Amino acid sequence: MKRTEIRPIRPIEAAIFEQITTAEIASFIESVVRSKGVKGKTANRYREILARLYNWATSQRNIRLPGDKNPAAGVERYKEADIEIVFLTLQDIDIQLAALSDVPFIQVMVATYIYSGLRREEAMWLTVDDIDLKTGIYGVIKVRAKEFNGEQWKPKTGKNRIVPISSTLRGYLDRYTPAPSEGRWFFPSTSASRLDPDNFSEDLREINRKHGLSWSCGDYRHTFGSQLAMGGESLYKISTLMGNSPDVCRKHYAALMPESLFQSVEFPGAKAFSPEVKPLPVPELVKVTLEETTKPVLRLVVNNR
């Protein structure tokens, strides 16, 4: 069998930071693509990391670049494949939560992910004070930055947000009581510390594997956005609730919206079309033929003086 030749990654070599050019960075990323077979999204991630490195160097270390231009920013972006979103149908949601009925703690966490659209770590940084059951109709979840034992955390976008609790999620939360912990975590670990994301994902994966399921926290988050989109909510509202930009939500959920828009064009109170309704008669005054409109018109002006 013929062996496929593995091409080495071409390193970037320069005596000083400022000598690295856009062409050298582009060549480096291209060699990574060829050697590792990475997709366009990963290749663009390399570009973004290098661009951030240069931005940091210029702002924090006073590095002066030729022409004050970031060489990584000049690298042409790779084409990315269309994003395929995996989300749960309403029937899938019932199947998933039923499979977790023997582990109420994980069941409540998964219900929270599905019905609030939180990112995986956002739920693990929730404290008891972040779950406000007295505000709004059924309560709200406050996703906000915090510090604990010298460790700082903030939402991915750096902005705090509030997510209303649905009636369905409220039913799960009412049956749940957080175990005491030093950080007053809403979902603490068995050792009364903050829950580790990877440990939680492994436990969830093992339980789902036994039931022939493969959904993850990312799928639960997409379920929240997808179900809202199919329900007719605007992408702006969805992006606000999920802590995303409208552009990100448009990429993920816009394709799910056409069916929900069918009723959006109806005017409130307008009469429905019926083939039996006859067209309104045209007033006699406006029944003018084309020939008549081309004839000159005489006007008689009478001066009464």
C-alpha atoms as a PDB file:
ATOM      1  CA  MET A   1       0.000   0.000   0.000  1.00  0.00           C
ATOM      2  CA  LYS A   2       1.381   3.380  -0.967  1.00  0.00           C
ATOM      3  CA  ARG A   3       2.131   5.617   1.975  1.00  0.00           C
ATOM      4  CA  THR A   4       0.923   9.185   1.885  1.00  0.00           C
ATOM      5  CA  GLU A   5       3.775  11.645   2.229  1.00  0.00           C
ATOM      6  CA  ILE A   6       3.406  13.881   5.263  1.00  0.00           C
ATOM      7  CA  ARG A   7       4.679  17.350   4.487  1.00  0.00           C
ATOM      8  CA  PRO A   8       6.333  19.127   7.410  1.00  0.00           C
ATOM      9  CA  ILE A   9       4.947  22.383   8.755  1.00  0.00           C
ATOM     10  CA  ARG A  10       6.992  25.292   7.461  1.00  0.00           C
ATOM     11  CA  PRO A  11       8.088  27.434  10.451  1.00  0.00           C
ATOM     12  CA  ILE A  12       8.230  31.222  10.422  1.00  0.00           C
ATOM     13  CA  GLU A  13      11.808  32.409  10.818  1.00  0.00           C
ATOM     14  CA  ALA A  14      12.809  35.999  11.484  1.00  0.00           C
ATOM     15  CA  ALA A  15      15.487  37.828  13.453  1.00  0.00           C
ATOM     16  CA  ILE A  16      12.966  40.240  14.955  1.00  0.00           C
ATOM     17  CA  PHE A  17       9.194  40.268  15.363  1.00  0.00           C
ATOM     18  CA  GLU A  18       8.681  43.179  12.998  1.00  0.00           C
ATOM     19  CA  GLN A  19      10.309  41.357  10.055  1.00  0.00           C
ATOM     20  CA  ILE A  20       7.578  38.735   9.714  1.00  0.00           C
ATOM     21  CA  THR A  21       5.514  39.442   6.613  1.00  0.00           C
ATOM     22  CA  THR A  22       1.989  38.634   5.521  1.00  0.00           C
ATOM     23  CA  ALA A  23       3.358  36.256   2.874  1.00  0.00           C
ATOM     24  CA  GLU A  24       5.341  34.295   5.484  1.00  0.00           C
ATOM     25  CA  ILE A  25       2.307  33.948   7.752  1.00  0.00           C
ATOM     26  CA  ALA A  26       0.160  32.839   4.797  1.00  0.00           C
ATOM     27  CA  SER A  27       2.803  30.260   3.852  1.00  0.00           C
ATOM     28  CA  PHE A  28       2.910  28.958   7.429  1.00  0.00           C
ATOM     29  CA  ILE A  29      -0.881  28.514   7.627  1.00  0.00           C
ATOM     30  CA  GLU A  30      -0.894  26.844   4.211  1.00  0.00           C
ATOM     31  CA  SER A  31       1.721  24.331   5.404  1.00  0.00           C
ATOM     32  CA  VAL A  32      -0.422  23.577   8.481  1.00  0.00           C
ATOM     33  CA  VAL A  33      -3.414  22.906   6.231  1.00  0.00           C
ATOM     34  CA  ARG A  34      -1.400  20.559   4.013  1.00  0.00           C
ATOM     35  CA  SER A  35       0.360  18.758   6.865  1.00  0.00           C
ATOM     36  CA  LYS A  36      -2.542  18.298   9.266  1.00  0.00           C
ATOM     37  CA  GLY A  37      -5.415  18.374   6.791  1.00  0.00           C
ATOM     38  CA  VAL A  38      -7.278  20.978   8.848  1.00  0.00           C
ATOM     39  CA  LYS A  39     -10.454  22.599   7.555  1.00  0.00           C
ATOM     40  CA  GLY A  40     -10.995  26.224   6.659  1.00  0.00           C
ATOM     41  CA  LYS A  41     -12.417  27.099  10.073  1.00  0.00           C
ATOM     42  CA  THR A  42      -9.295  25.833  11.856  1.00  0.00           C
ATOM     43  CA  ALA A  43      -7.020  27.587   9.382  1.00  0.00           C
ATOM     44  CA  ASN A  44      -8.828  30.856  10.036  1.00  0.00           C
ATOM     45  CA  ARG A  45      -8.402  30.232  13.734  1.00  0.00           C
ATOM     46  CA  TYR A  46      -4.607  30.206  13.270  1.00  0.00           C
ATOM     47  CA  ARG A  47      -4.925  33.509  11.436  1.00  0.00           C
ATOM     48  CA  GLU A  48      -7.014  35.041  14.228  1.00  0.00           C
ATOM     49  CA  ILE A  49      -4.588  33.935  16.947  1.00  0.00           C
ATOM     50  CA  LEU A  50      -1.624  35.466  15.125  1.00  0.00           C
ATOM     51  CA  ALA A  51      -3.576  38.661  14.464  1.00  0.00           C
ATOM     52  CA  ARG A  52      -4.368  38.930  18.174  1.00  0.00           C
ATOM     53  CA  LEU A  53      -0.706  38.324  19.012  1.00  0.00           C
ATOM     54  CA  TYR A  54       0.308  41.281  16.867  1.00  0.00           C
ATOM     55  CA  ASN A  55      -2.440  43.460  18.333  1.00  0.00           C
ATOM     56  CA  TRP A  56      -1.202  42.580  21.821  1.00  0.00           C
ATOM     57  CA  ALA A  57       2.423  43.299  20.857  1.00  0.00           C
ATOM     58  CA  THR A  58       1.583  46.742  19.504  1.00  0.00           C
ATOM     59  CA  SER A  59      -0.706  47.781  22.355  1.00  0.00           C
ATOM     60  CA  GLN A  60       1.101  46.197  25.320  1.00  0.00           C
ATOM     61  CA  ARG A  61       4.764  46.097  24.218  1.00  0.00           C
ATOM     62  CA  ASN A  62       4.964  49.164  21.991  1.00  0.00           C
ATOM     63  CA  ILE A  63       6.052  47.136  18.963  1.00  0.00           C
ATOM     64  CA  ARG A  64       6.011  49.320  15.849  1.00  0.00           C
ATOM     65  CA  LEU A  65       5.115  47.452  12.665  1.00  0.00           C
ATOM     66  CA  PRO A  66       6.007  48.577   9.138  1.00  0.00           C
ATOM     67  CA  GLY A  67       3.246  50.856   7.935  1.00  0.00           C
ATOM     68  CA  ASP A  68       1.415  50.233  11.233  1.00  0.00           C
ATOM     69  CA  LYS A  69      -0.236  47.227   9.554  1.00  0.00           C
ATOM     70  CA  ASN A  70      -0.917  43.892  11.235  1.00  0.00           C
ATOM     71  CA  PRO A  71       0.640  41.320   8.847  1.00  0.00           C
ATOM     72  CA  ALA A  72      -1.653  38.505  10.029  1.00  0.00           C
ATOM     73  CA  ALA A  73      -4.761  40.575   9.314  1.00  0.00           C
ATOM     74  CA  GLY A  74      -3.672  40.777   5.672  1.00  0.00           C
ATOM     75  CA  VAL A  75      -3.813  36.989   5.213  1.00  0.00           C
ATOM     76  CA  GLU A  76      -6.779  35.991   3.077  1.00  0.00           C
ATOM     77  CA  ARG A  77      -9.366  33.991   4.984  1.00  0.00           C
ATOM     78  CA  TYR A  78     -10.028  30.395   4.014  1.00  0.00           C
ATOM     79  CA  LYS A  79     -13.483  29.415   2.844  1.00  0.00           C
ATOM     80  CA  GLU A  80     -15.413  27.688   5.616  1.00  0.00           C
ATOM     81  CA  ALA A  81     -17.928  24.913   5.104  1.00  0.00           C
ATOM     82  CA  ASP A  82     -21.564  25.647   5.888  1.00  0.00           C
ATOM     83  CA  ILE A  83     -22.321  25.094   9.556  1.00  0.00           C
ATOM     84  CA  GLU A  84     -24.493  22.070  10.242  1.00  0.00           C
ATOM     85  CA  ILE A  85     -26.511  22.592  13.377  1.00  0.00           C
ATOM     86  CA  VAL A  86     -27.613  19.623  15.479  1.00  0.00           C
ATOM     87  CA  PHE A  87     -30.637  20.272  17.687  1.00  0.00           C
ATOM     88  CA  LEU A  88     -33.303  18.264  19.476  1.00  0.00           C
ATOM     89  CA  THR A  89     -36.910  18.088  18.381  1.00  0.00           C
ATOM     90  CA  LEU A  90     -39.612  18.276  21.042  1.00  0.00           C
ATOM     91  CA  GLN A  91     -39.800  14.482  20.998  1.00  0.00           C
ATOM     92  CA  ASP A  92     -36.002  14.267  21.310  1.00  0.00           C
ATOM     93  CA  ILE A  93     -36.126  16.519  24.362  1.00  0.00           C
ATOM     94  CA  ASP A  94     -38.587  14.178  26.072  1.00  0.00           C
ATOM     95  CA  ILE A  95     -36.380  11.176  25.237  1.00  0.00           C
ATOM     96  CA  GLN A  96     -33.240  12.896  26.532  1.00  0.00           C
ATOM     97  CA  LEU A  97     -34.718  14.051  29.834  1.00  0.00           C
ATOM     98  CA  ALA A  98     -36.415  10.691  30.398  1.00  0.00           C
ATOM     99  CA  ALA A  99     -33.039   8.962  29.975  1.00  0.00           C
ATOM    100  CA  LEU A 100     -31.695  11.099  32.837  1.00  0.00           C
ATOM    101  CA  SER A 101     -34.561  10.437  35.248  1.00  0.00           C
ATOM    102  CA  ASP A 102     -32.330   8.245  37.448  1.00  0.00           C
ATOM    103  CA  VAL A 103     -29.793  11.051  37.869  1.00  0.00           C
ATOM    104  CA  PRO A 104     -31.886  14.106  38.864  1.00  0.00           C
ATOM    105  CA  PHE A 105     -28.853  16.390  39.248  1.00  0.00           C
ATOM    106  CA  ILE A 106     -27.745  15.901  35.629  1.00  0.00           C
ATOM    107  CA  GLN A 107     -31.357  15.936  34.454  1.00  0.00           C
ATOM    108  CA  VAL A 108     -31.874  19.421  35.923  1.00  0.00           C
ATOM    109  CA  MET A 109     -28.610  20.626  34.392  1.00  0.00           C
ATOM    110  CA  VAL A 110     -29.555  19.341  30.946  1.00  0.00           C
ATOM    111  CA  ALA A 111     -33.035  20.868  31.255  1.00  0.00           C
ATOM    112  CA  THR A 112     -31.333  24.165  32.094  1.00  0.00           C
ATOM    113  CA  TYR A 113     -29.122  23.926  29.016  1.00  0.00           C
ATOM    114  CA  ILE A 114     -32.049  23.073  26.741  1.00  0.00           C
ATOM    115  CA  TYR A 115     -34.529  25.654  28.006  1.00  0.00           C
ATOM    116  CA  SER A 116     -32.127  28.565  28.612  1.00  0.00           C
ATOM    117  CA  GLY A 117     -29.444  28.087  25.939  1.00  0.00           C
ATOM    118  CA  LEU A 118     -26.515  28.511  28.330  1.00  0.00           C
ATOM    119  CA  ARG A 119     -22.989  27.604  27.290  1.00  0.00           C
ATOM    120  CA  ARG A 120     -21.476  24.651  29.123  1.00  0.00           C
ATOM    121  CA  GLU A 121     -19.326  26.655  31.558  1.00  0.00           C
ATOM    122  CA  GLU A 122     -21.963  29.336  32.074  1.00  0.00           C
ATOM    123  CA  ALA A 123     -24.117  26.866  34.000  1.00  0.00           C
ATOM    124  CA  MET A 124     -21.164  25.720  36.108  1.00  0.00           C
ATOM    125  CA  TRP A 125     -20.382  29.279  37.198  1.00  0.00           C
ATOM    126  CA  LEU A 126     -23.948  29.933  38.330  1.00  0.00           C
ATOM    127  CA  THR A 127     -24.389  30.615  42.030  1.00  0.00           C
ATOM    128  CA  VAL A 128     -27.535  30.391  44.094  1.00  0.00           C
ATOM    129  CA  ASP A 129     -27.822  34.178  43.829  1.00  0.00           C
ATOM    130  CA  ASP A 130     -27.849  33.989  40.028  1.00  0.00           C
ATOM    131  CA  ILE A 131     -31.159  32.096  40.025  1.00  0.00           C
ATOM    132  CA  ASP A 132     -33.835  34.687  40.768  1.00  0.00           C
ATOM    133  CA  LEU A 133     -37.245  33.016  40.967  1.00  0.00           C
ATOM    134  CA  LYS A 134     -39.055  36.205  41.999  1.00  0.00           C
ATOM    135  CA  THR A 135     -38.355  38.367  38.940  1.00  0.00           C
ATOM    136  CA  GLY A 136     -40.534  38.210  35.840  1.00  0.00           C
ATOM    137  CA  ILE A 137     -43.175  35.530  35.337  1.00  0.00           C
ATOM    138  CA  TYR A 138     -41.244  32.381  36.294  1.00  0.00           C
ATOM    139  CA  GLY A 139     -37.903  33.911  37.272  1.00  0.00           C
ATOM    140  CA  VAL A 140     -34.634  34.747  35.519  1.00  0.00           C
ATOM    141  CA  ILE A 141     -31.105  33.369  35.255  1.00  0.00           C
ATOM    142  CA  LYS A 142     -28.361  35.970  35.644  1.00  0.00           C
ATOM    143  CA  VAL A 143     -25.284  35.128  33.610  1.00  0.00           C
ATOM    144  CA  ARG A 144     -22.673  37.477  34.995  1.00  0.00           C
ATOM    145  CA  ALA A 145     -18.945  37.807  35.628  1.00  0.00           C
ATOM    146  CA  LYS A 146     -17.604  36.834  39.038  1.00  0.00           C
ATOM    147  CA  GLU A 147     -14.474  36.057  41.011  1.00  0.00           C
ATOM    148  CA  PHE A 148     -13.922  33.211  43.457  1.00  0.00           C
ATOM    149  CA  ASN A 149     -10.725  32.338  45.347  1.00  0.00           C
ATOM    150  CA  GLY A 150      -8.681  34.548  43.051  1.00  0.00           C
ATOM    151  CA  GLU A 151     -10.129  32.984  39.886  1.00  0.00           C
ATOM    152  CA  GLN A 152     -11.951  35.367  37.585  1.00  0.00           C
ATOM    153  CA  TRP A 153     -14.599  34.372  35.077  1.00  0.00           C
ATOM    154  CA  LYS A 154     -16.819  36.240  32.650  1.00  0.00           C
ATOM    155  CA  PRO A 155     -19.198  35.258  29.828  1.00  0.00           C
ATOM    156  CA  LYS A 156     -17.607  34.533  26.452  1.00  0.00           C
ATOM    157  CA  THR A 157     -18.621  37.891  24.989  1.00  0.00           C
ATOM    158  CA  GLY A 158     -17.587  39.724  28.151  1.00  0.00           C
ATOM    159  CA  LYS A 159     -21.142  40.973  28.648  1.00  0.00           C
ATOM    160  CA  ASN A 160     -23.558  39.976  31.392  1.00  0.00           C
ATOM    161  CA  ARG A 161     -27.068  38.978  30.382  1.00  0.00           C
ATOM    162  CA  ILE A 162     -30.379  37.826  31.829  1.00  0.00           C
ATOM    163  CA  VAL A 163     -32.301  34.820  30.502  1.00  0.00           C
ATOM    164  CA  PRO A 164     -35.975  34.468  31.511  1.00  0.00           C
ATOM    165  CA  ILE A 165     -36.941  31.083  32.960  1.00  0.00           C
ATOM    166  CA  SER A 166     -39.672  29.292  31.014  1.00  0.00           C
ATOM    167  CA  SER A 167     -42.613  27.570  32.664  1.00  0.00           C
ATOM    168  CA  THR A 168     -41.154  24.168  31.723  1.00  0.00           C
ATOM    169  CA  LEU A 169     -37.731  24.898  33.173  1.00  0.00           C
ATOM    170  CA  ARG A 170     -39.312  26.321  36.327  1.00  0.00           C
ATOM    171  CA  GLY A 171     -40.909  22.920  36.925  1.00  0.00           C
ATOM    172  CA  TYR A 172     -37.466  21.276  37.002  1.00  0.00           C
ATOM    173  CA  LEU A 173     -35.900  23.996  39.152  1.00  0.00           C
ATOM    174  CA  ASP A 174     -38.698  23.795  41.735  1.00  0.00           C
ATOM    175  CA  ARG A 175     -37.838  20.133  42.333  1.00  0.00           C
ATOM    176  CA  TYR A 176     -34.134  20.834  42.759  1.00  0.00           C
ATOM    177  CA  THR A 177     -32.215  22.014  45.833  1.00  0.00           C
ATOM    178  CA  PRO A 178     -28.499  22.826  45.421  1.00  0.00           C
ATOM    179  CA  ALA A 179     -26.149  21.050  47.823  1.00  0.00           C
ATOM    180  CA  PRO A 180     -24.235  23.392  50.177  1.00  0.00           C
ATOM    181  CA  SER A 181     -20.846  24.546  48.886  1.00  0.00           C
ATOM    182  CA  GLU A 182     -18.265  27.172  49.769  1.00  0.00           C
ATOM    183  CA  GLY A 183     -18.906  29.110  46.572  1.00  0.00           C
ATOM    184  CA  ARG A 184     -22.693  28.736  46.855  1.00  0.00           C
ATOM    185  CA  TRP A 185     -22.624  27.063  43.438  1.00  0.00           C
ATOM    186  CA  PHE A 186     -26.011  26.233  41.962  1.00  0.00           C
ATOM    187  CA  PHE A 187     -24.596  23.072  40.386  1.00  0.00           C
ATOM    188  CA  PRO A 188     -21.743  22.037  42.725  1.00  0.00           C
ATOM    189  CA  SER A 189     -19.633  18.909  42.366  1.00  0.00           C
ATOM    190  CA  THR A 190     -19.902  15.968  44.761  1.00  0.00           C
ATOM    191  CA  SER A 191     -16.931  17.459  46.643  1.00  0.00           C
ATOM    192  CA  ALA A 192     -18.857  20.719  47.181  1.00  0.00           C
ATOM    193  CA  SER A 193     -16.596  22.633  44.778  1.00  0.00           C
ATOM    194  CA  ARG A 194     -17.265  24.128  41.371  1.00  0.00           C
ATOM    195  CA  LEU A 195     -18.193  21.424  38.878  1.00  0.00           C
ATOM    196  CA  ASP A 196     -15.489  20.578  36.328  1.00  0.00           C
ATOM    197  CA  PRO A 197     -16.783  20.909  32.725  1.00  0.00           C
ATOM    198  CA  ASP A 198     -14.900  17.905  31.376  1.00  0.00           C
ATOM    199  CA  ASN A 199     -15.986  15.657  34.241  1.00  0.00           C
ATOM    200  CA  PHE A 200     -19.611  16.637  33.689  1.00  0.00           C
ATOM    201  CA  SER A 201     -19.381  16.000  29.939  1.00  0.00           C
ATOM    202  CA  GLU A 202     -17.832  12.581  30.532  1.00  0.00           C
ATOM    203  CA  ASP A 203     -20.572  11.588  32.992  1.00  0.00           C
ATOM    204  CA  LEU A 204     -23.265  12.797  30.594  1.00  0.00           C
ATOM    205  CA  ARG A 205     -21.644  11.019  27.656  1.00  0.00           C
ATOM    206  CA  GLU A 206     -21.491   7.730  29.578  1.00  0.00           C
ATOM    207  CA  ILE A 207     -25.162   7.917  30.579  1.00  0.00           C
ATOM    208  CA  ASN A 208     -26.268   8.794  27.057  1.00  0.00           C
ATOM    209  CA  ARG A 209     -24.128   6.026  25.598  1.00  0.00           C
ATOM    210  CA  LYS A 210     -26.077   3.477  27.644  1.00  0.00           C
ATOM    211  CA  HIS A 211     -29.318   4.786  26.132  1.00  0.00           C
ATOM    212  CA  GLY A 212     -27.985   5.010  22.585  1.00  0.00           C
ATOM    213  CA  LEU A 213     -27.931   8.816  22.644  1.00  0.00           C
ATOM    214  CA  SER A 214     -25.127  11.141  21.603  1.00  0.00           C
ATOM    215  CA  TRP A 215     -26.304  14.689  22.334  1.00  0.00           C
ATOM    216  CA  SER A 216     -24.013  17.170  24.070  1.00  0.00           C
ATOM    217  CA  CYS A 217     -24.153  20.600  25.715  1.00  0.00           C
ATOM    218  CA  GLY A 218     -23.556  22.277  22.348  1.00  0.00           C
ATOM    219  CA  ASP A 219     -26.576  20.473  20.902  1.00  0.00           C
ATOM    220  CA  TYR A 220     -28.716  21.590  23.856  1.00  0.00           C
ATOM    221  CA  ARG A 221     -27.698  25.208  23.296  1.00  0.00           C
ATOM    222  CA  HIS A 222     -28.533  24.940  19.591  1.00  0.00           C
ATOM    223  CA  THR A 223     -31.869  23.394  20.556  1.00  0.00           C
ATOM    224  CA  PHE A 224     -32.777  26.538  22.462  1.00  0.00           C
ATOM    225  CA  GLY A 225     -31.958  28.814  19.512  1.00  0.00           C
ATOM    226  CA  SER A 226     -33.506  26.503  16.915  1.00  0.00           C
ATOM    227  CA  GLN A 227     -36.783  26.013  18.755  1.00  0.00           C
ATOM    228  CA  LEU A 228     -37.150  29.770  19.281  1.00  0.00           C
ATOM    229  CA  ALA A 229     -36.410  30.423  15.598  1.00  0.00           C
ATOM    230  CA  MET A 230     -38.999  27.867  14.493  1.00  0.00           C
ATOM    231  CA  GLY A 231     -41.437  29.456  16.931  1.00  0.00           C
ATOM    232  CA  GLY A 232     -41.134  32.782  15.124  1.00  0.00           C
ATOM    233  CA  GLU A 233     -38.894  34.740  17.494  1.00  0.00           C
ATOM    234  CA  SER A 234     -36.643  37.325  15.863  1.00  0.00           C
ATOM    235  CA  LEU A 235     -32.939  36.655  15.437  1.00  0.00           C
ATOM    236  CA  TYR A 236     -32.258  39.815  17.437  1.00  0.00           C
ATOM    237  CA  LYS A 237     -34.157  38.465  20.451  1.00  0.00           C
ATOM    238  CA  ILE A 238     -32.512  35.051  20.115  1.00  0.00           C
ATOM    239  CA  SER A 239     -29.035  36.578  19.946  1.00  0.00           C
ATOM    240  CA  THR A 240     -29.760  38.691  23.022  1.00  0.00           C
ATOM    241  CA  LEU A 241     -30.951  35.696  25.032  1.00  0.00           C
ATOM    242  CA  MET A 242     -28.018  33.512  23.952  1.00  0.00           C
ATOM    243  CA  GLY A 243     -25.302  36.128  24.277  1.00  0.00           C
ATOM    244  CA  ASN A 244     -24.398  35.938  20.587  1.00  0.00           C
ATOM    245  CA  SER A 245     -24.165  38.512  17.831  1.00  0.00           C
ATOM    246  CA  PRO A 246     -27.105  38.664  15.377  1.00  0.00           C
ATOM    247  CA  ASP A 247     -24.694  37.593  12.607  1.00  0.00           C
ATOM    248  CA  VAL A 248     -23.818  34.374  14.443  1.00  0.00           C
ATOM    249  CA  CYS A 249     -27.490  33.600  15.032  1.00  0.00           C
ATOM    250  CA  ARG A 250     -28.245  34.324  11.392  1.00  0.00           C
ATOM    251  CA  LYS A 251     -25.670  31.737  10.296  1.00  0.00           C
ATOM    252  CA  HIS A 252     -27.076  29.151  12.688  1.00  0.00           C
ATOM    253  CA  TYR A 253     -30.826  29.649  12.697  1.00  0.00           C
ATOM    254  CA  ALA A 254     -31.990  31.784   9.750  1.00  0.00           C
ATOM    255  CA  ALA A 255     -32.705  28.701   7.636  1.00  0.00           C
ATOM    256  CA  LEU A 256     -35.199  27.509  10.252  1.00  0.00           C
ATOM    257  CA  MET A 257     -37.336  30.634  10.092  1.00  0.00           C
ATOM    258  CA  PRO A 258     -39.194  30.632   6.706  1.00  0.00           C
ATOM    259  CA  GLU A 259     -42.114  28.484   7.891  1.00  0.00           C
ATOM    260  CA  SER A 260     -42.564  30.643  10.954  1.00  0.00           C
ATOM    261  CA  LEU A 261     -42.755  33.754   8.740  1.00  0.00           C
ATOM    262  CA  PHE A 262     -45.822  32.669   6.778  1.00  0.00           C
ATOM    263  CA  GLN A 263     -48.171  34.426   9.191  1.00  0.00           C
ATOM    264  CA  SER A 264     -45.876  37.423   9.671  1.00  0.00           C
ATOM    265  CA  VAL A 265     -47.108  39.132   6.484  1.00  0.00           C
ATOM    266  CA  GLU A 266     -50.729  39.261   7.598  1.00  0.00           C
ATOM    267  CA  PHE A 267     -52.113  42.656   8.659  1.00  0.00           C
ATOM    268  CA  PRO A 268     -54.015  42.560  11.969  1.00  0.00           C
ATOM    269  CA  GLY A 269     -57.758  42.740  11.309  1.00  0.00           C
ATOM    270  CA  ALA A 270     -57.449  42.560   7.496  1.00  0.00           C
ATOM    271  CA  LYS A 271     -60.128  40.558   5.680  1.00  0.00           C
ATOM    272  CA  ALA A 272     -59.036  37.221   4.298  1.00  0.00           C
ATOM    273  CA  PHE A 273     -59.092  36.722   0.518  1.00  0.00           C
ATOM    274  CA  SER A 274     -62.071  34.816  -0.854  1.00  0.00           C
ATOM    275  CA  PRO A 275     -62.534  33.872  -4.545  1.00  0.00           C
ATOM    276  CA  GLU A 276     -66.274  34.554  -4.156  1.00  0.00           C
ATOM    277  CA  VAL A 277     -65.705  38.220  -3.367  1.00  0.00           C
ATOM    278  CA  LYS A 278     -66.335  40.311  -6.488  1.00  0.00           C
ATOM    279  CA  PRO A 279     -63.960  43.147  -7.320  1.00  0.00           C
ATOM    280  CA  LEU A 280     -65.123  46.607  -6.333  1.00  0.00           C
ATOM    281  CA  PRO A 281     -66.885  48.519  -9.152  1.00  0.00           C
ATOM    282  CA  VAL A 282     -64.813  51.184 -10.843  1.00  0.00           C
ATOM    283  CA  PRO A 283     -66.402  54.648 -10.439  1.00  0.00           C
ATOM    284  CA  GLU A 284     -67.854  56.081 -13.631  1.00  0.00           C
ATOM    285  CA  LEU A 285     -65.693  59.183 -13.361  1.00  0.00           C
ATOM    286  CA  VAL A 286     -62.480  57.226 -13.876  1.00  0.00           C
ATOM    287  CA  LYS A 287     -63.712  55.055 -16.775  1.00  0.00           C
ATOM    288  CA  VAL A 288     -61.695  56.819 -19.430  1.00  0.00           C
ATOM    289  CA  THR A 289     -60.496  55.096 -22.575  1.00  0.00           C
ATOM    290  CA  LEU A 290     -56.988  55.469 -23.919  1.00  0.00           C
ATOM    291  CA  GLU A 291     -58.346  57.332 -26.943  1.00  0.00           C
ATOM    292  CA  GLU A 292     -60.116  59.824 -24.728  1.00  0.00           C
ATOM    293  CA  THR A 293     -56.993  60.524 -22.721  1.00  0.00           C
ATOM    294  CA  THR A 294     -55.099  61.523 -25.865  1.00  0.00           C
ATOM    295  CA  LYS A 295     -57.692  64.047 -27.073  1.00  0.00           C
ATOM    296  CA  PRO A 296     -57.133  67.712 -26.237  1.00  0.00           C
ATOM    297  CA  VAL A 297     -59.341  69.049 -23.506  1.00  0.00           C
ATOM    298  CA  LEU A 298     -61.086  72.427 -23.820  1.00  0.00           C
ATOM    299  CA  ARG A 299     -61.935  74.449 -20.752  1.00  0.00           C
ATOM    300  CA  LEU A 300     -64.527  77.243 -20.782  1.00  0.00           C
ATOM    301  CA  VAL A 301     -63.655  80.071 -18.453  1.00  0.00           C
ATOM    302  CA  VAL A 302     -66.460  82.526 -17.737  1.00  0.00           C
ATOM    303  CA  ASN A 303     -65.730  85.870 -16.262  1.00  0.00           C
ATOM    304  CA  ASN A 304     -68.773  87.095 -14.386  1.00  0.00           C
ATOM    305  CA  ARG A 305     -67.456  90.582 -14.077  1.00  0.00           C
END
